[in-house]
């Protein structure tokens, strides 16, 4: 298939490699500043000859990407984070006009990790001797904090541990409440992607960690999701894709 890349930073470059390895063609690289861009400005016209677009640009670009893809009649995969406060607006733009799939993280390994953490959280819900906390680290160039993946993990924990009601992401200058989960973030280094959930008791501690070695896993997952999205209409998350990929596992 012909893929348009919206944004050509580190993830855009990794997407290009992953797509080419799977036999696809890059029909356009759309980026206002990258020297390698084939197009500087996104529009329906610049998406001509494209089967699907993948957006890893910036949060303020997402709504415009949706509008352009709707006008061109092509599906859109979005891996950009930080736009979730505009979720209802984007859903309205998508409607049933095109296929749209978003995720805070496209790594297949991370979605396996989500399922492991969910199962552990359900166990912890039944054993109140175990407290829970989270920590994530990303590279120094990441634009948002905490990560979208951390946000997804926070939701998993809150949905499955009834005694926990809220998450604190900021520095704590007070005693943490029993109903709170503290989730910390660190930014540093050129290629850091890691998340850890701790289940902590006086007797022992269980750590569940996912660490990525490169952007390759994220890029491959996004390309596979784009393949899955072809021919579909509506608003999807990665859960719909992984249900097909993982089945009942």
C-alpha atoms as a PDB file:
ATOM      1  CA  UNK A   1       0.000   0.000   0.000  1.00  0.00           C
ATOM      2  CA  UNK A   2       0.979   3.660  -0.413  1.00  0.00           C
ATOM      3  CA  UNK A   3       1.593   5.392   2.918  1.00  0.00           C
ATOM      4  CA  UNK A   4       1.814   9.124   3.607  1.00  0.00           C
ATOM      5  CA  UNK A   5       3.902  10.067   6.649  1.00  0.00           C
ATOM      6  CA  UNK A   6       2.759  13.184   8.491  1.00  0.00           C
ATOM      7  CA  UNK A   7       5.763  14.283  10.541  1.00  0.00           C
ATOM      8  CA  UNK A   8       9.317  13.137   9.873  1.00  0.00           C
ATOM      9  CA  UNK A   9      11.100  13.188  13.204  1.00  0.00           C
ATOM     10  CA  UNK A  10      12.618  10.094  14.780  1.00  0.00           C
ATOM     11  CA  UNK A  11       9.350   8.154  14.623  1.00  0.00           C
ATOM     12  CA  UNK A  12       8.615   9.229  11.056  1.00  0.00           C
ATOM     13  CA  UNK A  13      12.003   7.930   9.959  1.00  0.00           C
ATOM     14  CA  UNK A  14      11.466   4.648  11.813  1.00  0.00           C
ATOM     15  CA  UNK A  15       8.033   4.316  10.187  1.00  0.00           C
ATOM     16  CA  UNK A  16       9.541   4.738   6.756  1.00  0.00           C
ATOM     17  CA  UNK A  17      12.013   1.891   7.390  1.00  0.00           C
ATOM     18  CA  UNK A  18       9.324  -0.395   8.828  1.00  0.00           C
ATOM     19  CA  UNK A  19       6.939   0.273   5.945  1.00  0.00           C
ATOM     20  CA  UNK A  20       9.579  -0.367   3.284  1.00  0.00           C
ATOM     21  CA  UNK A  21      10.619  -3.620   4.972  1.00  0.00           C
ATOM     22  CA  UNK A  22       6.988  -4.798   4.753  1.00  0.00           C
ATOM     23  CA  UNK A  23       6.865  -4.028   1.029  1.00  0.00           C
ATOM     24  CA  UNK A  24       4.943  -0.761   1.176  1.00  0.00           C
ATOM     25  CA  UNK A  25       5.647   2.516  -0.631  1.00  0.00           C
ATOM     26  CA  UNK A  26       5.980   5.963   0.917  1.00  0.00           C
ATOM     27  CA  UNK A  27       3.777   8.190  -1.237  1.00  0.00           C
ATOM     28  CA  UNK A  28       4.519  11.433   0.643  1.00  0.00           C
ATOM     29  CA  UNK A  29       6.550  12.771   3.553  1.00  0.00           C
ATOM     30  CA  UNK A  30       4.723  15.802   4.917  1.00  0.00           C
ATOM     31  CA  UNK A  31       6.719  17.973   7.303  1.00  0.00           C
ATOM     32  CA  UNK A  32       7.092  21.744   7.391  1.00  0.00           C
ATOM     33  CA  UNK A  33      10.732  21.695   8.488  1.00  0.00           C
ATOM     34  CA  UNK A  34      12.380  18.355   7.571  1.00  0.00           C
ATOM     35  CA  UNK A  35      14.795  18.574   4.647  1.00  0.00           C
ATOM     36  CA  UNK A  36      13.640  15.130   3.453  1.00  0.00           C
ATOM     37  CA  UNK A  37       9.991  16.189   3.199  1.00  0.00           C
ATOM     38  CA  UNK A  38       8.368  15.844  -0.212  1.00  0.00           C
ATOM     39  CA  UNK A  39       5.588  18.231   0.844  1.00  0.00           C
ATOM     40  CA  UNK A  40       5.653  21.055   3.388  1.00  0.00           C
ATOM     41  CA  UNK A  41       1.901  21.639   3.792  1.00  0.00           C
ATOM     42  CA  UNK A  42      -0.784  19.015   4.370  1.00  0.00           C
ATOM     43  CA  UNK A  43      -3.968  19.071   2.257  1.00  0.00           C
ATOM     44  CA  UNK A  44      -6.251  16.640   0.478  1.00  0.00           C
ATOM     45  CA  UNK A  45      -4.303  17.320  -2.731  1.00  0.00           C
ATOM     46  CA  UNK A  46      -0.966  16.342  -1.151  1.00  0.00           C
ATOM     47  CA  UNK A  47      -2.510  12.982  -0.181  1.00  0.00           C
ATOM     48  CA  UNK A  48      -3.341  12.030  -3.771  1.00  0.00           C
ATOM     49  CA  UNK A  49      -2.323   8.446  -4.541  1.00  0.00           C
ATOM     50  CA  UNK A  50      -2.203   7.533  -0.842  1.00  0.00           C
ATOM     51  CA  UNK A  51      -3.941   4.509   0.699  1.00  0.00           C
ATOM     52  CA  UNK A  52      -3.403   5.445   4.360  1.00  0.00           C
ATOM     53  CA  UNK A  53      -1.709   8.219   6.340  1.00  0.00           C
ATOM     54  CA  UNK A  54       0.241   7.852   9.594  1.00  0.00           C
ATOM     55  CA  UNK A  55       0.627  10.929  11.804  1.00  0.00           C
ATOM     56  CA  UNK A  56       3.480  11.287  14.296  1.00  0.00           C
ATOM     57  CA  UNK A  57       3.691  15.074  14.138  1.00  0.00           C
ATOM     58  CA  UNK A  58       2.459  17.339  16.940  1.00  0.00           C
ATOM     59  CA  UNK A  59      -0.674  17.631  19.058  1.00  0.00           C
ATOM     60  CA  UNK A  60      -1.822  20.822  17.337  1.00  0.00           C
ATOM     61  CA  UNK A  61      -1.598  19.111  13.929  1.00  0.00           C
ATOM     62  CA  UNK A  62      -3.977  16.210  14.589  1.00  0.00           C
ATOM     63  CA  UNK A  63      -7.307  17.926  13.844  1.00  0.00           C
ATOM     64  CA  UNK A  64      -5.909  19.323  10.582  1.00  0.00           C
ATOM     65  CA  UNK A  65      -4.650  15.866   9.647  1.00  0.00           C
ATOM     66  CA  UNK A  66      -8.138  14.457  10.198  1.00  0.00           C
ATOM     67  CA  UNK A  67      -9.721  17.175   8.054  1.00  0.00           C
ATOM     68  CA  UNK A  68      -7.281  16.547   5.209  1.00  0.00           C
ATOM     69  CA  UNK A  69      -7.763  12.776   5.335  1.00  0.00           C
ATOM     70  CA  UNK A  70     -11.566  13.115   5.444  1.00  0.00           C
ATOM     71  CA  UNK A  71     -11.415  15.396   2.412  1.00  0.00           C
ATOM     72  CA  UNK A  72      -9.157  12.905   0.615  1.00  0.00           C
ATOM     73  CA  UNK A  73     -11.209   9.906   1.745  1.00  0.00           C
ATOM     74  CA  UNK A  74      -8.272   7.980   3.224  1.00  0.00           C
ATOM     75  CA  UNK A  75      -7.832   6.325   6.642  1.00  0.00           C
ATOM     76  CA  UNK A  76      -5.578   7.864   9.292  1.00  0.00           C
ATOM     77  CA  UNK A  77      -3.427   6.324  12.023  1.00  0.00           C
ATOM     78  CA  UNK A  78      -2.365   8.737  14.796  1.00  0.00           C
ATOM     79  CA  UNK A  79       0.512   8.070  17.190  1.00  0.00           C
ATOM     80  CA  UNK A  80       0.974  11.694  18.202  1.00  0.00           C
ATOM     81  CA  UNK A  81       0.249  12.274  21.903  1.00  0.00           C
ATOM     82  CA  UNK A  82      -0.890  15.310  23.873  1.00  0.00           C
ATOM     83  CA  UNK A  83      -4.120  15.970  21.906  1.00  0.00           C
ATOM     84  CA  UNK A  84      -6.496  13.918  24.033  1.00  0.00           C
ATOM     85  CA  UNK A  85      -8.323  16.959  25.418  1.00  0.00           C
ATOM     86  CA  UNK A  86      -9.679  17.343  21.856  1.00  0.00           C
ATOM     87  CA  UNK A  87     -10.874  13.730  21.607  1.00  0.00           C
ATOM     88  CA  UNK A  88     -14.555  14.648  21.213  1.00  0.00           C
ATOM     89  CA  UNK A  89     -13.729  17.163  18.474  1.00  0.00           C
ATOM     90  CA  UNK A  90     -11.688  14.574  16.565  1.00  0.00           C
ATOM     91  CA  UNK A  91     -14.411  11.931  16.942  1.00  0.00           C
ATOM     92  CA  UNK A  92     -16.889  14.404  15.484  1.00  0.00           C
ATOM     93  CA  UNK A  93     -14.622  15.128  12.528  1.00  0.00           C
ATOM     94  CA  UNK A  94     -14.064  11.419  11.831  1.00  0.00           C
ATOM     95  CA  UNK A  95     -17.683  10.275  12.223  1.00  0.00           C
ATOM     96  CA  UNK A  96     -18.135   7.349   9.858  1.00  0.00           C
ATOM     97  CA  UNK A  97     -16.358   9.092   6.989  1.00  0.00           C
ATOM     98  CA  UNK A  98     -12.967   7.367   7.241  1.00  0.00           C
ATOM     99  CA  UNK A  99     -11.178   4.805   9.338  1.00  0.00           C
ATOM    100  CA  UNK A 100      -9.275   6.417  12.221  1.00  0.00           C
ATOM    101  CA  UNK A 101      -7.066   4.542  14.690  1.00  0.00           C
ATOM    102  CA  UNK A 102      -5.138   6.152  17.540  1.00  0.00           C
ATOM    103  CA  UNK A 103      -2.949   4.879  20.329  1.00  0.00           C
ATOM    104  CA  UNK A 104      -0.672   6.293  22.990  1.00  0.00           C
ATOM    105  CA  UNK A 105       1.720   3.492  22.045  1.00  0.00           C
ATOM    106  CA  UNK A 106       1.784   1.185  19.013  1.00  0.00           C
ATOM    107  CA  UNK A 107       4.351  -1.300  20.313  1.00  0.00           C
ATOM    108  CA  UNK A 108       2.915  -4.818  20.272  1.00  0.00           C
ATOM    109  CA  UNK A 109       5.093  -5.541  23.317  1.00  0.00           C
ATOM    110  CA  UNK A 110       3.560  -2.616  25.195  1.00  0.00           C
ATOM    111  CA  UNK A 111       0.057  -3.917  24.506  1.00  0.00           C
ATOM    112  CA  UNK A 112       1.125  -7.309  25.850  1.00  0.00           C
ATOM    113  CA  UNK A 113       2.443  -5.346  28.851  1.00  0.00           C
ATOM    114  CA  UNK A 114      -0.910  -3.588  29.302  1.00  0.00           C
ATOM    115  CA  UNK A 115      -2.609  -6.975  29.588  1.00  0.00           C
ATOM    116  CA  UNK A 116      -0.041  -8.202  32.131  1.00  0.00           C
ATOM    117  CA  UNK A 117      -0.448  -5.038  34.245  1.00  0.00           C
ATOM    118  CA  UNK A 118      -4.240  -5.321  34.066  1.00  0.00           C
ATOM    119  CA  UNK A 119      -4.122  -8.908  35.343  1.00  0.00           C
ATOM    120  CA  UNK A 120      -1.739  -7.895  38.149  1.00  0.00           C
ATOM    121  CA  UNK A 121      -3.948  -4.941  39.109  1.00  0.00           C
ATOM    122  CA  UNK A 122      -6.960  -7.229  39.443  1.00  0.00           C
ATOM    123  CA  UNK A 123      -4.968  -9.424  41.820  1.00  0.00           C
ATOM    124  CA  UNK A 124      -3.775  -6.397  43.804  1.00  0.00           C
ATOM    125  CA  UNK A 125      -7.376  -5.260  44.150  1.00  0.00           C
ATOM    126  CA  UNK A 126      -7.988  -8.343  46.305  1.00  0.00           C
ATOM    127  CA  UNK A 127      -4.859  -7.932  48.449  1.00  0.00           C
ATOM    128  CA  UNK A 128      -4.806  -4.539  50.110  1.00  0.00           C
ATOM    129  CA  UNK A 129      -1.392  -5.112  51.699  1.00  0.00           C
ATOM    130  CA  UNK A 130       0.061  -4.109  48.337  1.00  0.00           C
ATOM    131  CA  UNK A 131       0.377  -0.461  47.450  1.00  0.00           C
ATOM    132  CA  UNK A 132       0.946   0.545  43.803  1.00  0.00           C
ATOM    133  CA  UNK A 133       3.057   3.173  42.054  1.00  0.00           C
ATOM    134  CA  UNK A 134       4.332   3.915  38.547  1.00  0.00           C
ATOM    135  CA  UNK A 135       7.407   5.374  36.916  1.00  0.00           C
ATOM    136  CA  UNK A 136       8.320   6.168  33.319  1.00  0.00           C
ATOM    137  CA  UNK A 137      11.407   7.414  31.505  1.00  0.00           C
ATOM    138  CA  UNK A 138      11.651   8.794  27.990  1.00  0.00           C
ATOM    139  CA  UNK A 139      14.313  10.430  25.862  1.00  0.00           C
ATOM    140  CA  UNK A 140      15.219  14.067  26.415  1.00  0.00           C
ATOM    141  CA  UNK A 141      13.487  15.181  23.214  1.00  0.00           C
ATOM    142  CA  UNK A 142       9.991  13.953  24.105  1.00  0.00           C
ATOM    143  CA  UNK A 143       7.585  16.883  24.039  1.00  0.00           C
ATOM    144  CA  UNK A 144       5.041  15.775  26.673  1.00  0.00           C
ATOM    145  CA  UNK A 145       5.138  14.404  30.200  1.00  0.00           C
ATOM    146  CA  UNK A 146       3.837  12.065  31.448  1.00  0.00           C
ATOM    147  CA  UNK A 147       3.765   9.903  28.354  1.00  0.00           C
ATOM    148  CA  UNK A 148       0.570   8.766  26.694  1.00  0.00           C
ATOM    149  CA  UNK A 149       1.566   5.225  27.655  1.00  0.00           C
ATOM    150  CA  UNK A 150       1.778   6.294  31.307  1.00  0.00           C
ATOM    151  CA  UNK A 151      -1.725   7.759  30.991  1.00  0.00           C
ATOM    152  CA  UNK A 152      -2.967   4.428  29.639  1.00  0.00           C
ATOM    153  CA  UNK A 153      -1.311   2.573  32.538  1.00  0.00           C
ATOM    154  CA  UNK A 154      -2.863   4.975  35.035  1.00  0.00           C
ATOM    155  CA  UNK A 155      -6.312   4.226  33.626  1.00  0.00           C
ATOM    156  CA  UNK A 156      -5.700   0.470  33.801  1.00  0.00           C
ATOM    157  CA  UNK A 157      -4.719   0.746  37.464  1.00  0.00           C
ATOM    158  CA  UNK A 158      -7.633   2.996  38.435  1.00  0.00           C
ATOM    159  CA  UNK A 159     -10.125   0.810  36.553  1.00  0.00           C
ATOM    160  CA  UNK A 160      -8.983  -2.340  38.323  1.00  0.00           C
ATOM    161  CA  UNK A 161      -7.938  -1.346  41.868  1.00  0.00           C
ATOM    162  CA  UNK A 162     -11.054  -0.117  43.634  1.00  0.00           C
ATOM    163  CA  UNK A 163      -9.240   1.473  46.604  1.00  0.00           C
ATOM    164  CA  UNK A 164      -7.315   3.794  44.266  1.00  0.00           C
ATOM    165  CA  UNK A 165      -9.278   6.828  43.070  1.00  0.00           C
ATOM    166  CA  UNK A 166      -6.819   9.352  41.613  1.00  0.00           C
ATOM    167  CA  UNK A 167      -3.303   9.665  40.184  1.00  0.00           C
ATOM    168  CA  UNK A 168      -0.731  12.288  41.189  1.00  0.00           C
ATOM    169  CA  UNK A 169       1.828  13.069  38.485  1.00  0.00           C
ATOM    170  CA  UNK A 170       3.440  16.136  40.059  1.00  0.00           C
ATOM    171  CA  UNK A 171       6.116  16.420  42.720  1.00  0.00           C
ATOM    172  CA  UNK A 172       4.642  15.601  46.145  1.00  0.00           C
ATOM    173  CA  UNK A 173       5.441  17.962  49.032  1.00  0.00           C
ATOM    174  CA  UNK A 174       3.032  16.171  51.325  1.00  0.00           C
ATOM    175  CA  UNK A 175       2.131  12.672  52.425  1.00  0.00           C
ATOM    176  CA  UNK A 176       0.476  10.771  49.618  1.00  0.00           C
ATOM    177  CA  UNK A 177      -3.126   9.761  50.298  1.00  0.00           C
ATOM    178  CA  UNK A 178      -4.028   6.090  50.484  1.00  0.00           C
ATOM    179  CA  UNK A 179      -6.469   6.551  47.619  1.00  0.00           C
ATOM    180  CA  UNK A 180      -3.791   8.034  45.337  1.00  0.00           C
ATOM    181  CA  UNK A 181      -1.263   6.495  42.949  1.00  0.00           C
ATOM    182  CA  UNK A 182       1.952   8.431  42.426  1.00  0.00           C
ATOM    183  CA  UNK A 183       3.255   8.138  38.847  1.00  0.00           C
ATOM    184  CA  UNK A 184       6.598   9.828  38.202  1.00  0.00           C
ATOM    185  CA  UNK A 185       8.321  10.855  34.962  1.00  0.00           C
ATOM    186  CA  UNK A 186      11.955  11.355  33.974  1.00  0.00           C
ATOM    187  CA  UNK A 187      13.335  12.758  30.713  1.00  0.00           C
ATOM    188  CA  UNK A 188      16.920  12.131  29.657  1.00  0.00           C
ATOM    189  CA  UNK A 189      19.222  10.534  27.129  1.00  0.00           C
ATOM    190  CA  UNK A 190      18.822  10.070  23.374  1.00  0.00           C
ATOM    191  CA  UNK A 191      16.776   6.826  23.236  1.00  0.00           C
ATOM    192  CA  UNK A 192      14.921   6.031  26.462  1.00  0.00           C
ATOM    193  CA  UNK A 193      11.506   4.326  26.538  1.00  0.00           C
ATOM    194  CA  UNK A 194      10.577   2.571  29.774  1.00  0.00           C
ATOM    195  CA  UNK A 195       7.651   2.050  32.141  1.00  0.00           C
ATOM    196  CA  UNK A 196       7.556   0.300  35.521  1.00  0.00           C
ATOM    197  CA  UNK A 197       4.609  -0.531  37.748  1.00  0.00           C
ATOM    198  CA  UNK A 198       5.417  -1.469  41.353  1.00  0.00           C
ATOM    199  CA  UNK A 199       3.196  -3.492  43.666  1.00  0.00           C
ATOM    200  CA  UNK A 200       4.762  -2.882  47.061  1.00  0.00           C
ATOM    201  CA  UNK A 201       4.193  -4.515  50.455  1.00  0.00           C
ATOM    202  CA  UNK A 202       6.114  -4.685  53.738  1.00  0.00           C
ATOM    203  CA  UNK A 203       7.118  -8.249  52.854  1.00  0.00           C
ATOM    204  CA  UNK A 204       8.132  -7.903  49.219  1.00  0.00           C
ATOM    205  CA  UNK A 205       7.820  -5.959  45.987  1.00  0.00           C
ATOM    206  CA  UNK A 206       6.672  -6.957  42.507  1.00  0.00           C
ATOM    207  CA  UNK A 207       8.037  -4.902  39.608  1.00  0.00           C
ATOM    208  CA  UNK A 208       6.553  -5.163  36.117  1.00  0.00           C
ATOM    209  CA  UNK A 209       8.690  -3.346  33.548  1.00  0.00           C
ATOM    210  CA  UNK A 210       8.647  -2.769  29.822  1.00  0.00           C
ATOM    211  CA  UNK A 211      11.734  -1.248  28.202  1.00  0.00           C
ATOM    212  CA  UNK A 212      12.047  -0.597  24.492  1.00  0.00           C
ATOM    213  CA  UNK A 213      15.451  -0.959  22.850  1.00  0.00           C
ATOM    214  CA  UNK A 214      14.615   1.309  19.921  1.00  0.00           C
ATOM    215  CA  UNK A 215      11.726   2.921  18.040  1.00  0.00           C
ATOM    216  CA  UNK A 216      11.451  -0.124  15.746  1.00  0.00           C
ATOM    217  CA  UNK A 217       8.736  -1.874  17.769  1.00  0.00           C
ATOM    218  CA  UNK A 218       6.592   1.261  17.860  1.00  0.00           C
ATOM    219  CA  UNK A 219       6.990   1.805  14.130  1.00  0.00           C
ATOM    220  CA  UNK A 220       6.222  -1.813  13.212  1.00  0.00           C
ATOM    221  CA  UNK A 221       3.063  -1.773  15.331  1.00  0.00           C
ATOM    222  CA  UNK A 222       1.864   1.439  13.670  1.00  0.00           C
ATOM    223  CA  UNK A 223       2.409   0.002  10.190  1.00  0.00           C
ATOM    224  CA  UNK A 224       0.574  -3.211  11.128  1.00  0.00           C
ATOM    225  CA  UNK A 225      -2.283  -1.135  12.528  1.00  0.00           C
ATOM    226  CA  UNK A 226      -2.418   0.822   9.249  1.00  0.00           C
ATOM    227  CA  UNK A 227      -2.653  -2.449   7.314  1.00  0.00           C
ATOM    228  CA  UNK A 228      -5.534  -3.550   9.572  1.00  0.00           C
ATOM    229  CA  UNK A 229      -7.363  -0.206   9.157  1.00  0.00           C
ATOM    230  CA  UNK A 230      -7.669  -0.420   5.361  1.00  0.00           C
ATOM    231  CA  UNK A 231     -11.311  -0.834   4.350  1.00  0.00           C
ATOM    232  CA  UNK A 232     -12.698   0.156   7.772  1.00  0.00           C
ATOM    233  CA  UNK A 233     -14.653   3.235   8.800  1.00  0.00           C
ATOM    234  CA  UNK A 234     -15.123   4.726  12.237  1.00  0.00           C
ATOM    235  CA  UNK A 235     -13.070   5.558  15.314  1.00  0.00           C
ATOM    236  CA  UNK A 236     -10.775   2.844  16.698  1.00  0.00           C
ATOM    237  CA  UNK A 237      -8.200   2.394  19.411  1.00  0.00           C
ATOM    238  CA  UNK A 238      -5.361  -0.098  19.475  1.00  0.00           C
ATOM    239  CA  UNK A 239      -7.540  -2.421  21.570  1.00  0.00           C
ATOM    240  CA  UNK A 240      -9.610  -3.297  18.503  1.00  0.00           C
ATOM    241  CA  UNK A 241      -6.473  -4.237  16.580  1.00  0.00           C
ATOM    242  CA  UNK A 242      -4.953  -6.242  19.437  1.00  0.00           C
ATOM    243  CA  UNK A 243      -8.189  -8.189  19.934  1.00  0.00           C
ATOM    244  CA  UNK A 244      -7.670  -9.512  16.422  1.00  0.00           C
ATOM    245  CA  UNK A 245      -3.915  -9.949  16.887  1.00  0.00           C
ATOM    246  CA  UNK A 246      -4.023 -11.590  20.348  1.00  0.00           C
ATOM    247  CA  UNK A 247      -7.396 -13.310  20.164  1.00  0.00           C
ATOM    248  CA  UNK A 248      -8.465 -14.707  23.536  1.00  0.00           C
ATOM    249  CA  UNK A 249      -4.921 -14.933  24.928  1.00  0.00           C
END
